[in-house]
Amino acid sequence: MDEARIGLDFRRGLVRESLNGGVDVQWGIWLHAGRFISCAVVCCSPNRDADYRCPAT
């Protein structure tokens, strides 16, 4: 699906909801000339899928 059709505000809302729920987020889009960019945010604490504490705390 085209990035513009999904909408940045909608995607940001999903990211906010996921992180508040303790879920990591992976976001990637195709760029021009066959390049791909990927961004990951790890939900540190609490993370619903990890039994260990955040190393920063």
N, C-alpha and C. Protein backbone atom coordinates (compact mmCIF):
# COMPACT_ATOMS: atom_id res chain seq x y z
N MET A 1 0.84 -1.18 0.00
CA MET A 1 0.00 0.00 0.00
C MET A 1 0.89 1.24 0.00
N ASP A 2 0.51 2.21 -0.72
CA ASP A 2 1.27 3.43 -0.85
C ASP A 2 1.31 4.19 0.48
N GLU A 3 2.50 4.68 0.84
CA GLU A 3 2.67 5.39 2.11
C GLU A 3 1.70 6.56 2.27
N ALA A 4 1.50 7.31 1.20
CA ALA A 4 0.60 8.47 1.27
C ALA A 4 -0.83 8.05 1.52
N ARG A 5 -1.23 6.89 1.04
CA ARG A 5 -2.61 6.42 1.24
C ARG A 5 -2.86 5.98 2.67
N ILE A 6 -1.83 5.46 3.32
CA ILE A 6 -1.98 5.02 4.71
C ILE A 6 -2.12 6.24 5.62
N GLY A 7 -1.29 7.22 5.41
CA GLY A 7 -1.34 8.44 6.21
C GLY A 7 -0.43 8.40 7.41
N LEU A 8 0.38 9.43 7.54
CA LEU A 8 1.35 9.51 8.63
C LEU A 8 0.66 9.60 9.99
N ASP A 9 -0.41 10.36 10.10
CA ASP A 9 -1.11 10.47 11.38
C ASP A 9 -1.66 9.13 11.84
N PHE A 10 -2.19 8.36 10.92
CA PHE A 10 -2.72 7.02 11.25
C PHE A 10 -1.58 6.12 11.75
N ARG A 11 -0.45 6.14 11.03
CA ARG A 11 0.69 5.29 11.43
C ARG A 11 1.24 5.72 12.78
N ARG A 12 1.34 7.02 13.02
CA ARG A 12 1.83 7.50 14.32
C ARG A 12 0.91 7.06 15.45
N GLY A 13 -0.38 7.09 15.20
CA GLY A 13 -1.33 6.63 16.21
C GLY A 13 -1.14 5.17 16.55
N LEU A 14 -0.90 4.34 15.53
CA LEU A 14 -0.65 2.92 15.77
C LEU A 14 0.65 2.70 16.55
N VAL A 15 1.67 3.47 16.22
CA VAL A 15 2.95 3.37 16.93
C VAL A 15 2.77 3.75 18.39
N ARG A 16 2.10 4.85 18.64
CA ARG A 16 1.86 5.31 20.02
C ARG A 16 1.08 4.25 20.81
N GLU A 17 0.06 3.70 20.20
CA GLU A 17 -0.76 2.68 20.85
C GLU A 17 0.07 1.43 21.14
N SER A 18 0.90 1.01 20.20
CA SER A 18 1.72 -0.18 20.39
C SER A 18 2.73 0.01 21.52
N LEU A 19 3.46 1.12 21.51
CA LEU A 19 4.46 1.36 22.54
C LEU A 19 3.82 1.48 23.93
N ASN A 20 2.68 2.14 24.02
CA ASN A 20 1.97 2.23 25.30
C ASN A 20 1.50 0.87 25.79
N GLY A 21 1.27 -0.06 24.85
CA GLY A 21 0.85 -1.41 25.21
C GLY A 21 2.00 -2.36 25.45
N GLY A 22 3.25 -1.86 25.40
CA GLY A 22 4.40 -2.71 25.67
C GLY A 22 4.87 -3.52 24.48
N VAL A 23 4.60 -3.04 23.27
CA VAL A 23 4.95 -3.78 22.05
C VAL A 23 6.00 -3.00 21.26
N ASP A 24 7.04 -3.71 20.79
CA ASP A 24 8.05 -3.10 19.94
C ASP A 24 7.43 -2.71 18.60
N VAL A 25 8.07 -1.76 17.92
CA VAL A 25 7.55 -1.27 16.64
C VAL A 25 8.64 -1.35 15.58
N GLN A 26 8.29 -1.85 14.41
CA GLN A 26 9.18 -1.88 13.25
C GLN A 26 8.46 -1.18 12.11
N TRP A 27 9.11 -0.20 11.49
CA TRP A 27 8.48 0.59 10.45
C TRP A 27 9.46 0.71 9.30
N GLY A 28 9.04 0.37 8.10
CA GLY A 28 9.91 0.46 6.95
C GLY A 28 9.16 0.92 5.71
N ILE A 29 9.85 1.64 4.85
CA ILE A 29 9.24 2.07 3.59
C ILE A 29 10.28 1.99 2.47
N TRP A 30 9.77 1.75 1.28
CA TRP A 30 10.63 1.76 0.10
C TRP A 30 10.87 3.19 -0.34
N LEU A 31 12.11 3.50 -0.68
CA LEU A 31 12.50 4.80 -1.19
C LEU A 31 12.74 4.69 -2.70
N HIS A 32 13.13 5.76 -3.31
CA HIS A 32 13.43 5.76 -4.73
C HIS A 32 14.66 4.91 -5.03
N ALA A 33 14.78 4.45 -6.24
CA ALA A 33 15.94 3.69 -6.73
C ALA A 33 16.12 2.37 -5.99
N GLY A 34 15.04 1.76 -5.54
CA GLY A 34 15.10 0.45 -4.92
C GLY A 34 15.71 0.40 -3.54
N ARG A 35 15.78 1.51 -2.87
CA ARG A 35 16.32 1.55 -1.50
C ARG A 35 15.19 1.40 -0.49
N PHE A 36 15.53 0.85 0.66
CA PHE A 36 14.56 0.61 1.72
C PHE A 36 15.10 1.18 3.01
N ILE A 37 14.26 1.86 3.76
CA ILE A 37 14.66 2.38 5.07
C ILE A 37 13.81 1.71 6.14
N SER A 38 14.46 1.37 7.23
CA SER A 38 13.77 0.68 8.31
C SER A 38 14.11 1.36 9.63
N CYS A 39 13.12 1.48 10.48
CA CYS A 39 13.30 2.09 11.79
C CYS A 39 12.63 1.18 12.82
N ALA A 40 13.34 0.91 13.89
CA ALA A 40 12.79 0.06 14.94
C ALA A 40 12.85 0.81 16.27
N VAL A 41 11.80 0.66 17.07
CA VAL A 41 11.76 1.21 18.41
C VAL A 41 11.44 0.06 19.35
N VAL A 42 12.31 -0.17 20.30
CA VAL A 42 12.11 -1.25 21.26
C VAL A 42 11.47 -0.66 22.50
N CYS A 43 10.32 -1.21 22.86
CA CYS A 43 9.62 -0.77 24.06
C CYS A 43 10.38 -1.36 25.25
N CYS A 44 10.98 -0.50 26.02
CA CYS A 44 11.90 -0.96 27.05
C CYS A 44 11.19 -1.45 28.32
N SER A 45 10.33 -0.66 28.86
CA SER A 45 9.73 -1.08 30.12
C SER A 45 8.36 -0.41 30.29
N PRO A 46 7.33 -1.18 30.43
CA PRO A 46 7.30 -2.63 30.38
C PRO A 46 7.16 -3.13 28.94
N ASN A 47 7.87 -4.20 28.64
CA ASN A 47 7.75 -4.86 27.34
C ASN A 47 7.00 -6.16 27.59
N ARG A 48 5.86 -6.32 26.94
CA ARG A 48 5.03 -7.48 27.24
C ARG A 48 5.63 -8.81 26.79
N ASP A 49 6.67 -8.76 25.92
CA ASP A 49 7.27 -9.99 25.42
C ASP A 49 8.63 -10.30 26.05
N ALA A 50 9.09 -9.48 26.99
CA ALA A 50 10.41 -9.69 27.60
C ALA A 50 10.26 -9.77 29.11
N ASP A 51 11.00 -10.71 29.69
CA ASP A 51 10.94 -10.91 31.14
C ASP A 51 12.04 -10.14 31.89
N TYR A 52 12.82 -9.34 31.19
CA TYR A 52 13.90 -8.62 31.84
C TYR A 52 13.64 -7.13 31.83
N ARG A 53 14.27 -6.42 32.72
CA ARG A 53 14.09 -4.98 32.81
C ARG A 53 14.93 -4.27 31.77
N CYS A 54 14.57 -3.06 31.51
CA CYS A 54 15.31 -2.20 30.59
C CYS A 54 16.71 -1.95 31.16
N PRO A 55 17.76 -2.06 30.35
CA PRO A 55 19.11 -1.82 30.88
C PRO A 55 19.33 -0.37 31.32
N ALA A 56 18.50 0.55 30.84
CA ALA A 56 18.68 1.95 31.20
C ALA A 56 18.08 2.30 32.55
N THR A 57 17.30 1.38 33.15
CA THR A 57 16.68 1.68 34.43
C THR A 57 17.36 0.99 35.58
